[in-house]
Amino acid sequence: MNNSFSDYTENEFVTLLQRIISHDGTELEVDKLVFHFEEVSEHPAGSDLIFYPEDGADDSAEGITRTLKEWRAAQGLPGFKD
């Protein structure tokens, strides 16, 4: 796992989310991925973006990634590495 959001490419981050959404691994492994997601995303909703999305939100890995990209840009936070 990468240390920060900006250490990820967009595709790597989508893959991370896909692993969480599909529960790819043991419960402990998935829990670690969720905590990592919360830490690197820095979004105030944290894992609620995955497990309790707002009504009408795109809760796919790609949709969550898009939400994070837009939020981080609005907050002046770094985006994905190229």
PDB file of N, CA and C in Angstrom:
ATOM      1  N   MET A   1       0.838  -1.182   0.000  1.00  0.00           N
ATOM      2  CA  MET A   1       0.000   0.000   0.000  1.00  0.00           C
ATOM      3  C   MET A   1       0.883   1.246   0.000  1.00  0.00           C
ATOM      4  N   ASN A   2       0.408   2.247  -0.687  1.00  0.00           N
ATOM      5  CA  ASN A   2       1.146   3.504  -0.775  1.00  0.00           C
ATOM      6  C   ASN A   2       0.913   4.356   0.467  1.00  0.00           C
ATOM      7  N   ASN A   3       1.832   5.281   0.718  1.00  0.00           N
ATOM      8  CA  ASN A   3       1.780   6.080   1.937  1.00  0.00           C
ATOM      9  C   ASN A   3       0.807   7.244   1.888  1.00  0.00           C
ATOM     10  N   SER A   4       0.518   7.748   0.695  1.00  0.00           N
ATOM     11  CA  SER A   4      -0.383   8.892   0.592  1.00  0.00           C
ATOM     12  C   SER A   4      -1.206   8.791  -0.688  1.00  0.00           C
ATOM     13  N   PHE A   5      -2.256   9.600  -0.745  1.00  0.00           N
ATOM     14  CA  PHE A   5      -3.129   9.618  -1.910  1.00  0.00           C
ATOM     15  C   PHE A   5      -2.330   9.901  -3.176  1.00  0.00           C
ATOM     16  N   SER A   6      -1.428  10.874  -3.093  1.00  0.00           N
ATOM     17  CA  SER A   6      -0.673  11.283  -4.279  1.00  0.00           C
ATOM     18  C   SER A   6       0.394  10.271  -4.697  1.00  0.00           C
ATOM     19  N   ASP A   7       0.586   9.218  -3.901  1.00  0.00           N
ATOM     20  CA  ASP A   7       1.480   8.124  -4.300  1.00  0.00           C
ATOM     21  C   ASP A   7       0.772   7.126  -5.218  1.00  0.00           C
ATOM     22  N   TYR A   8      -0.546   7.234  -5.311  1.00  0.00           N
ATOM     23  CA  TYR A   8      -1.346   6.317  -6.129  1.00  0.00           C
ATOM     24  C   TYR A   8      -1.582   6.885  -7.515  1.00  0.00           C
ATOM     25  N   THR A   9      -1.617   6.001  -8.513  1.00  0.00           N
ATOM     26  CA  THR A   9      -2.206   6.366  -9.795  1.00  0.00           C
ATOM     27  C   THR A   9      -3.709   6.168  -9.621  1.00  0.00           C
ATOM     28  N   GLU A  10      -4.476   6.737 -10.515  1.00  0.00           N
ATOM     29  CA  GLU A  10      -5.925   6.568 -10.421  1.00  0.00           C
ATOM     30  C   GLU A  10      -6.308   5.091 -10.535  1.00  0.00           C
ATOM     31  N   ASN A  11      -5.670   4.361 -11.435  1.00  0.00           N
ATOM     32  CA  ASN A  11      -5.981   2.936 -11.603  1.00  0.00           C
ATOM     33  C   ASN A  11      -5.653   2.136 -10.349  1.00  0.00           C
ATOM     34  N   GLU A  12      -4.538   2.444  -9.694  1.00  0.00           N
ATOM     35  CA  GLU A  12      -4.177   1.751  -8.451  1.00  0.00           C
ATOM     36  C   GLU A  12      -5.218   1.999  -7.368  1.00  0.00           C
ATOM     37  N   PHE A  13      -5.730   3.230  -7.306  1.00  0.00           N
ATOM     38  CA  PHE A  13      -6.714   3.556  -6.279  1.00  0.00           C
ATOM     39  C   PHE A  13      -8.046   2.859  -6.558  1.00  0.00           C
ATOM     40  N   VAL A  14      -8.432   2.803  -7.820  1.00  0.00           N
ATOM     41  CA  VAL A  14      -9.651   2.068  -8.194  1.00  0.00           C
ATOM     42  C   VAL A  14      -9.501   0.603  -7.792  1.00  0.00           C
ATOM     43  N   THR A  15      -8.337   0.020  -8.019  1.00  0.00           N
ATOM     44  CA  THR A  15      -8.084  -1.371  -7.637  1.00  0.00           C
ATOM     45  C   THR A  15      -8.200  -1.552  -6.127  1.00  0.00           C
ATOM     46  N   LEU A  16      -7.660  -0.616  -5.348  1.00  0.00           N
ATOM     47  CA  LEU A  16      -7.797  -0.663  -3.892  1.00  0.00           C
ATOM     48  C   LEU A  16      -9.272  -0.679  -3.501  1.00  0.00           C
ATOM     49  N   LEU A  17     -10.051   0.209  -4.083  1.00  0.00           N
ATOM     50  CA  LEU A  17     -11.481   0.261  -3.774  1.00  0.00           C
ATOM     51  C   LEU A  17     -12.198  -1.015  -4.205  1.00  0.00           C
ATOM     52  N   GLN A  18     -11.831  -1.558  -5.345  1.00  0.00           N
ATOM     53  CA  GLN A  18     -12.452  -2.808  -5.799  1.00  0.00           C
ATOM     54  C   GLN A  18     -12.183  -3.935  -4.807  1.00  0.00           C
ATOM     55  N   ARG A  19     -10.983  -3.981  -4.251  1.00  0.00           N
ATOM     56  CA  ARG A  19     -10.655  -5.005  -3.253  1.00  0.00           C
ATOM     57  C   ARG A  19     -11.522  -4.837  -2.008  1.00  0.00           C
ATOM     58  N   ILE A  20     -11.746  -3.601  -1.591  1.00  0.00           N
ATOM     59  CA  ILE A  20     -12.584  -3.349  -0.415  1.00  0.00           C
ATOM     60  C   ILE A  20     -14.028  -3.733  -0.713  1.00  0.00           C
ATOM     61  N   ILE A  21     -14.550  -3.256  -1.828  1.00  0.00           N
ATOM     62  CA  ILE A  21     -15.953  -3.491  -2.181  1.00  0.00           C
ATOM     63  C   ILE A  21     -16.250  -4.980  -2.335  1.00  0.00           C
ATOM     64  N   SER A  22     -15.315  -5.726  -2.919  1.00  0.00           N
ATOM     65  CA  SER A  22     -15.537  -7.161  -3.150  1.00  0.00           C
ATOM     66  C   SER A  22     -15.111  -8.019  -1.961  1.00  0.00           C
ATOM     67  N   HIS A  23     -14.649  -7.370  -0.884  1.00  0.00           N
ATOM     68  CA  HIS A  23     -14.162  -8.092   0.308  1.00  0.00           C
ATOM     69  C   HIS A  23     -13.098  -9.114  -0.080  1.00  0.00           C
ATOM     70  N   ASP A  24     -12.113  -8.643  -0.866  1.00  0.00           N
ATOM     71  CA  ASP A  24     -11.024  -9.488  -1.360  1.00  0.00           C
ATOM     72  C   ASP A  24      -9.984  -9.683  -0.266  1.00  0.00           C
ATOM     73  N   GLY A  25     -10.104 -10.788   0.465  1.00  0.00           N
ATOM     74  CA  GLY A  25      -9.167 -11.098   1.544  1.00  0.00           C
ATOM     75  C   GLY A  25      -9.908 -11.473   2.809  1.00  0.00           C
ATOM     76  N   THR A  26      -9.140 -11.698   3.853  1.00  0.00           N
ATOM     77  CA  THR A  26      -9.746 -12.015   5.143  1.00  0.00           C
ATOM     78  C   THR A  26     -10.381 -10.751   5.717  1.00  0.00           C
ATOM     79  N   GLU A  27     -11.174 -10.919   6.756  1.00  0.00           N
ATOM     80  CA  GLU A  27     -11.800  -9.763   7.396  1.00  0.00           C
ATOM     81  C   GLU A  27     -10.740  -8.777   7.891  1.00  0.00           C
ATOM     82  N   LEU A  28      -9.680  -9.303   8.475  1.00  0.00           N
ATOM     83  CA  LEU A  28      -8.597  -8.453   8.974  1.00  0.00           C
ATOM     84  C   LEU A  28      -7.919  -7.697   7.828  1.00  0.00           C
ATOM     85  N   GLU A  29      -7.677  -8.379   6.714  1.00  0.00           N
ATOM     86  CA  GLU A  29      -7.045  -7.728   5.561  1.00  0.00           C
ATOM     87  C   GLU A  29      -7.925  -6.615   4.998  1.00  0.00           C
ATOM     88  N   VAL A  30      -9.221  -6.891   4.882  1.00  0.00           N
ATOM     89  CA  VAL A  30     -10.144  -5.883   4.356  1.00  0.00           C
ATOM     90  C   VAL A  30     -10.250  -4.715   5.334  1.00  0.00           C
ATOM     91  N   ASP A  31     -10.289  -4.997   6.631  1.00  0.00           N
ATOM     92  CA  ASP A  31     -10.314  -3.921   7.628  1.00  0.00           C
ATOM     93  C   ASP A  31      -9.096  -3.018   7.486  1.00  0.00           C
ATOM     94  N   LYS A  32      -7.934  -3.611   7.266  1.00  0.00           N
ATOM     95  CA  LYS A  32      -6.709  -2.821   7.077  1.00  0.00           C
ATOM     96  C   LYS A  32      -6.818  -1.951   5.831  1.00  0.00           C
ATOM     97  N   LEU A  33      -7.406  -2.499   4.766  1.00  0.00           N
ATOM     98  CA  LEU A  33      -7.592  -1.718   3.543  1.00  0.00           C
ATOM     99  C   LEU A  33      -8.539  -0.546   3.779  1.00  0.00           C
ATOM    100  N   VAL A  34      -9.608  -0.789   4.540  1.00  0.00           N
ATOM    101  CA  VAL A  34     -10.573   0.272   4.842  1.00  0.00           C
ATOM    102  C   VAL A  34      -9.904   1.375   5.662  1.00  0.00           C
ATOM    103  N   PHE A  35      -9.159   1.008   6.690  1.00  0.00           N
ATOM    104  CA  PHE A  35      -8.462   2.009   7.499  1.00  0.00           C
ATOM    105  C   PHE A  35      -7.460   2.785   6.651  1.00  0.00           C
ATOM    106  N   HIS A  36      -6.777   2.086   5.761  1.00  0.00           N
ATOM    107  CA  HIS A  36      -5.824   2.741   4.866  1.00  0.00           C
ATOM    108  C   HIS A  36      -6.558   3.720   3.949  1.00  0.00           C
ATOM    109  N   PHE A  37      -7.684   3.296   3.388  1.00  0.00           N
ATOM    110  CA  PHE A  37      -8.491   4.171   2.535  1.00  0.00           C
ATOM    111  C   PHE A  37      -8.859   5.449   3.278  1.00  0.00           C
ATOM    112  N   GLU A  38      -9.332   5.301   4.516  1.00  0.00           N
ATOM    113  CA  GLU A  38      -9.725   6.472   5.302  1.00  0.00           C
ATOM    114  C   GLU A  38      -8.542   7.407   5.530  1.00  0.00           C
ATOM    115  N   GLU A  39      -7.394   6.827   5.827  1.00  0.00           N
ATOM    116  CA  GLU A  39      -6.206   7.629   6.118  1.00  0.00           C
ATOM    117  C   GLU A  39      -5.718   8.401   4.894  1.00  0.00           C
ATOM    118  N   VAL A  40      -5.592   7.721   3.756  1.00  0.00           N
ATOM    119  CA  VAL A  40      -5.028   8.392   2.581  1.00  0.00           C
ATOM    120  C   VAL A  40      -6.034   9.288   1.867  1.00  0.00           C
ATOM    121  N   SER A  41      -7.323   8.961   1.923  1.00  0.00           N
ATOM    122  CA  SER A  41      -8.312   9.783   1.217  1.00  0.00           C
ATOM    123  C   SER A  41      -8.521  11.123   1.912  1.00  0.00           C
ATOM    124  N   GLU A  42      -8.456  11.132   3.236  1.00  0.00           N
ATOM    125  CA  GLU A  42      -8.651  12.328   4.056  1.00  0.00           C
ATOM    126  C   GLU A  42     -10.056  12.915   3.938  1.00  0.00           C
ATOM    127  N   HIS A  43     -10.971  12.200   3.313  1.00  0.00           N
ATOM    128  CA  HIS A  43     -12.336  12.701   3.136  1.00  0.00           C
ATOM    129  C   HIS A  43     -13.087  12.593   4.462  1.00  0.00           C
ATOM    130  N   PRO A  44     -13.851  13.626   4.837  1.00  0.00           N
ATOM    131  CA  PRO A  44     -14.548  13.589   6.128  1.00  0.00           C
ATOM    132  C   PRO A  44     -15.567  12.452   6.261  1.00  0.00           C
ATOM    133  N   ALA A  45     -16.106  11.971   5.153  1.00  0.00           N
ATOM    134  CA  ALA A  45     -17.069  10.867   5.215  1.00  0.00           C
ATOM    135  C   ALA A  45     -16.372   9.524   5.381  1.00  0.00           C
ATOM    136  N   GLY A  46     -15.082   9.470   5.095  1.00  0.00           N
ATOM    137  CA  GLY A  46     -14.315   8.238   5.273  1.00  0.00           C
ATOM    138  C   GLY A  46     -14.930   7.061   4.547  1.00  0.00           C
ATOM    139  N   SER A  47     -15.034   5.940   5.249  1.00  0.00           N
ATOM    140  CA  SER A  47     -15.534   4.710   4.626  1.00  0.00           C
ATOM    141  C   SER A  47     -17.037   4.752   4.350  1.00  0.00           C
ATOM    142  N   ASP A  48     -17.736   5.780   4.852  1.00  0.00           N
ATOM    143  CA  ASP A  48     -19.151   5.925   4.507  1.00  0.00           C
ATOM    144  C   ASP A  48     -19.323   6.107   3.002  1.00  0.00           C
ATOM    145  N   LEU A  49     -18.318   6.646   2.330  1.00  0.00           N
ATOM    146  CA  LEU A  49     -18.385   6.764   0.869  1.00  0.00           C
ATOM    147  C   LEU A  49     -18.568   5.395   0.223  1.00  0.00           C
ATOM    148  N   ILE A  50     -18.035   4.365   0.866  1.00  0.00           N
ATOM    149  CA  ILE A  50     -18.112   3.000   0.342  1.00  0.00           C
ATOM    150  C   ILE A  50     -19.359   2.287   0.853  1.00  0.00           C
ATOM    151  N   PHE A  51     -19.548   2.312   2.168  1.00  0.00           N
ATOM    152  CA  PHE A  51     -20.566   1.475   2.798  1.00  0.00           C
ATOM    153  C   PHE A  51     -21.913   2.162   3.007  1.00  0.00           C
ATOM    154  N   TYR A  52     -21.928   3.487   3.086  1.00  0.00           N
ATOM    155  CA  TYR A  52     -23.167   4.247   3.294  1.00  0.00           C
ATOM    156  C   TYR A  52     -23.174   5.480   2.395  1.00  0.00           C
ATOM    157  N   PRO A  53     -23.146   5.275   1.075  1.00  0.00           N
ATOM    158  CA  PRO A  53     -23.083   6.427   0.166  1.00  0.00           C
ATOM    159  C   PRO A  53     -24.361   7.261   0.233  1.00  0.00           C
ATOM    160  N   GLU A  54     -24.224   8.533  -0.126  1.00  0.00           N
ATOM    161  CA  GLU A  54     -25.395   9.401  -0.188  1.00  0.00           C
ATOM    162  C   GLU A  54     -26.349   8.877  -1.255  1.00  0.00           C
ATOM    163  N   ASP A  55     -27.635   9.156  -1.076  1.00  0.00           N
ATOM    164  CA  ASP A  55     -28.633   8.743  -2.059  1.00  0.00           C
ATOM    165  C   ASP A  55     -28.255   9.276  -3.433  1.00  0.00           C
ATOM    166  N   GLY A  56     -28.282   8.410  -4.417  1.00  0.00           N
ATOM    167  CA  GLY A  56     -27.986   8.787  -5.789  1.00  0.00           C
ATOM    168  C   GLY A  56     -26.511   8.838  -6.142  1.00  0.00           C
ATOM    169  N   ALA A  57     -25.640   8.637  -5.153  1.00  0.00           N
ATOM    170  CA  ALA A  57     -24.196   8.676  -5.420  1.00  0.00           C
ATOM    171  C   ALA A  57     -23.767   7.419  -6.171  1.00  0.00           C
ATOM    172  N   ASP A  58     -22.796   7.570  -7.036  1.00  0.00           N
ATOM    173  CA  ASP A  58     -22.209   6.427  -7.740  1.00  0.00           C
ATOM    174  C   ASP A  58     -21.275   5.732  -6.757  1.00  0.00           C
ATOM    175  N   ASP A  59     -21.687   4.566  -6.271  1.00  0.00           N
ATOM    176  CA  ASP A  59     -20.900   3.872  -5.247  1.00  0.00           C
ATOM    177  C   ASP A  59     -19.992   2.786  -5.830  1.00  0.00           C
ATOM    178  N   SER A  60     -19.748   2.863  -7.138  1.00  0.00           N
ATOM    179  CA  SER A  60     -18.768   1.956  -7.747  1.00  0.00           C
ATOM    180  C   SER A  60     -17.372   2.454  -7.387  1.00  0.00           C
ATOM    181  N   ALA A  61     -16.379   1.621  -7.591  1.00  0.00           N
ATOM    182  CA  ALA A  61     -14.997   2.032  -7.314  1.00  0.00           C
ATOM    183  C   ALA A  61     -14.640   3.280  -8.127  1.00  0.00           C
ATOM    184  N   GLU A  62     -15.083   3.324  -9.367  1.00  0.00           N
ATOM    185  CA  GLU A  62     -14.792   4.469 -10.221  1.00  0.00           C
ATOM    186  C   GLU A  62     -15.536   5.713  -9.746  1.00  0.00           C
ATOM    187  N   GLY A  63     -16.780   5.545  -9.312  1.00  0.00           N
ATOM    188  CA  GLY A  63     -17.572   6.672  -8.829  1.00  0.00           C
ATOM    189  C   GLY A  63     -17.018   7.256  -7.540  1.00  0.00           C
ATOM    190  N   ILE A  64     -16.605   6.394  -6.624  1.00  0.00           N
ATOM    191  CA  ILE A  64     -16.008   6.854  -5.367  1.00  0.00           C
ATOM    192  C   ILE A  64     -14.700   7.582  -5.658  1.00  0.00           C
ATOM    193  N   THR A  65     -13.924   7.051  -6.578  1.00  0.00           N
ATOM    194  CA  THR A  65     -12.666   7.694  -6.966  1.00  0.00           C
ATOM    195  C   THR A  65     -12.932   9.077  -7.544  1.00  0.00           C
ATOM    196  N   ARG A  66     -13.938   9.199  -8.387  1.00  0.00           N
ATOM    197  CA  ARG A  66     -14.301  10.489  -8.977  1.00  0.00           C
ATOM    198  C   ARG A  66     -14.720  11.477  -7.882  1.00  0.00           C
ATOM    199  N   THR A  67     -15.528  11.012  -6.933  1.00  0.00           N
ATOM    200  CA  THR A  67     -15.950  11.857  -5.813  1.00  0.00           C
ATOM    201  C   THR A  67     -14.742  12.368  -5.039  1.00  0.00           C
ATOM    202  N   LEU A  68     -13.803  11.477  -4.747  1.00  0.00           N
ATOM    203  CA  LEU A  68     -12.600  11.869  -4.009  1.00  0.00           C
ATOM    204  C   LEU A  68     -11.754  12.854  -4.806  1.00  0.00           C
ATOM    205  N   LYS A  69     -11.583  12.617  -6.097  1.00  0.00           N
ATOM    206  CA  LYS A  69     -10.793  13.529  -6.932  1.00  0.00           C
ATOM    207  C   LYS A  69     -11.387  14.933  -6.898  1.00  0.00           C
ATOM    208  N   GLU A  70     -12.708  15.024  -7.051  1.00  0.00           N
ATOM    209  CA  GLU A  70     -13.377  16.323  -7.058  1.00  0.00           C
ATOM    210  C   GLU A  70     -13.260  17.003  -5.701  1.00  0.00           C
ATOM    211  N   TRP A  71     -13.476  16.246  -4.622  1.00  0.00           N
ATOM    212  CA  TRP A  71     -13.400  16.816  -3.281  1.00  0.00           C
ATOM    213  C   TRP A  71     -11.985  17.289  -2.981  1.00  0.00           C
ATOM    214  N   ARG A  72     -10.990  16.464  -3.288  1.00  0.00           N
ATOM    215  CA  ARG A  72      -9.596  16.836  -3.003  1.00  0.00           C
ATOM    216  C   ARG A  72      -9.200  18.084  -3.796  1.00  0.00           C
ATOM    217  N   ALA A  73      -9.620  18.182  -5.048  1.00  0.00           N
ATOM    218  CA  ALA A  73      -9.313  19.369  -5.852  1.00  0.00           C
ATOM    219  C   ALA A  73      -9.952  20.610  -5.228  1.00  0.00           C
ATOM    220  N   ALA A  74     -11.204  20.485  -4.777  1.00  0.00           N
ATOM    221  CA  ALA A  74     -11.898  21.615  -4.154  1.00  0.00           C
ATOM    222  C   ALA A  74     -11.237  22.045  -2.846  1.00  0.00           C
ATOM    223  N   GLN A  75     -10.578  21.107  -2.177  1.00  0.00           N
ATOM    224  CA  GLN A  75      -9.899  21.405  -0.909  1.00  0.00           C
ATOM    225  C   GLN A  75      -8.450  21.850  -1.113  1.00  0.00           C
ATOM    226  N   GLY A  76      -7.984  21.843  -2.354  1.00  0.00           N
ATOM    227  CA  GLY A  76      -6.602  22.206  -2.646  1.00  0.00           C
ATOM    228  C   GLY A  76      -5.605  21.127  -2.252  1.00  0.00           C
ATOM    229  N   LEU A  77      -6.083  19.885  -2.147  1.00  0.00           N
ATOM    230  CA  LEU A  77      -5.214  18.759  -1.786  1.00  0.00           C
ATOM    231  C   LEU A  77      -4.648  18.112  -3.048  1.00  0.00           C
ATOM    232  N   PRO A  78      -3.485  17.473  -2.943  1.00  0.00           N
ATOM    233  CA  PRO A  78      -2.883  16.837  -4.121  1.00  0.00           C
ATOM    234  C   PRO A  78      -3.754  15.715  -4.684  1.00  0.00           C
ATOM    235  N   GLY A  79      -3.638  15.523  -5.987  1.00  0.00           N
ATOM    236  CA  GLY A  79      -4.365  14.455  -6.656  1.00  0.00           C
ATOM    237  C   GLY A  79      -3.484  13.238  -6.866  1.00  0.00           C
ATOM    238  N   PHE A  80      -3.866  12.435  -7.844  1.00  0.00           N
ATOM    239  CA  PHE A  80      -3.121  11.219  -8.161  1.00  0.00           C
ATOM    240  C   PHE A  80      -1.809  11.550  -8.849  1.00  0.00           C
ATOM    241  N   LYS A  81      -0.847  10.633  -8.708  1.00  0.00           N
ATOM    242  CA  LYS A  81       0.381  10.791  -9.485  1.00  0.00           C
ATOM    243  C   LYS A  81       0.073  10.409 -10.922  1.00  0.00           C
ATOM    244  N   ASP A  82       0.868  10.919 -11.823  1.00  0.00           N
ATOM    245  CA  ASP A  82       0.646  10.651 -13.253  1.00  0.00           C
ATOM    246  C   ASP A  82       1.144   9.293 -13.641  1.00  0.00           C
TER     247      ASP A  82
END
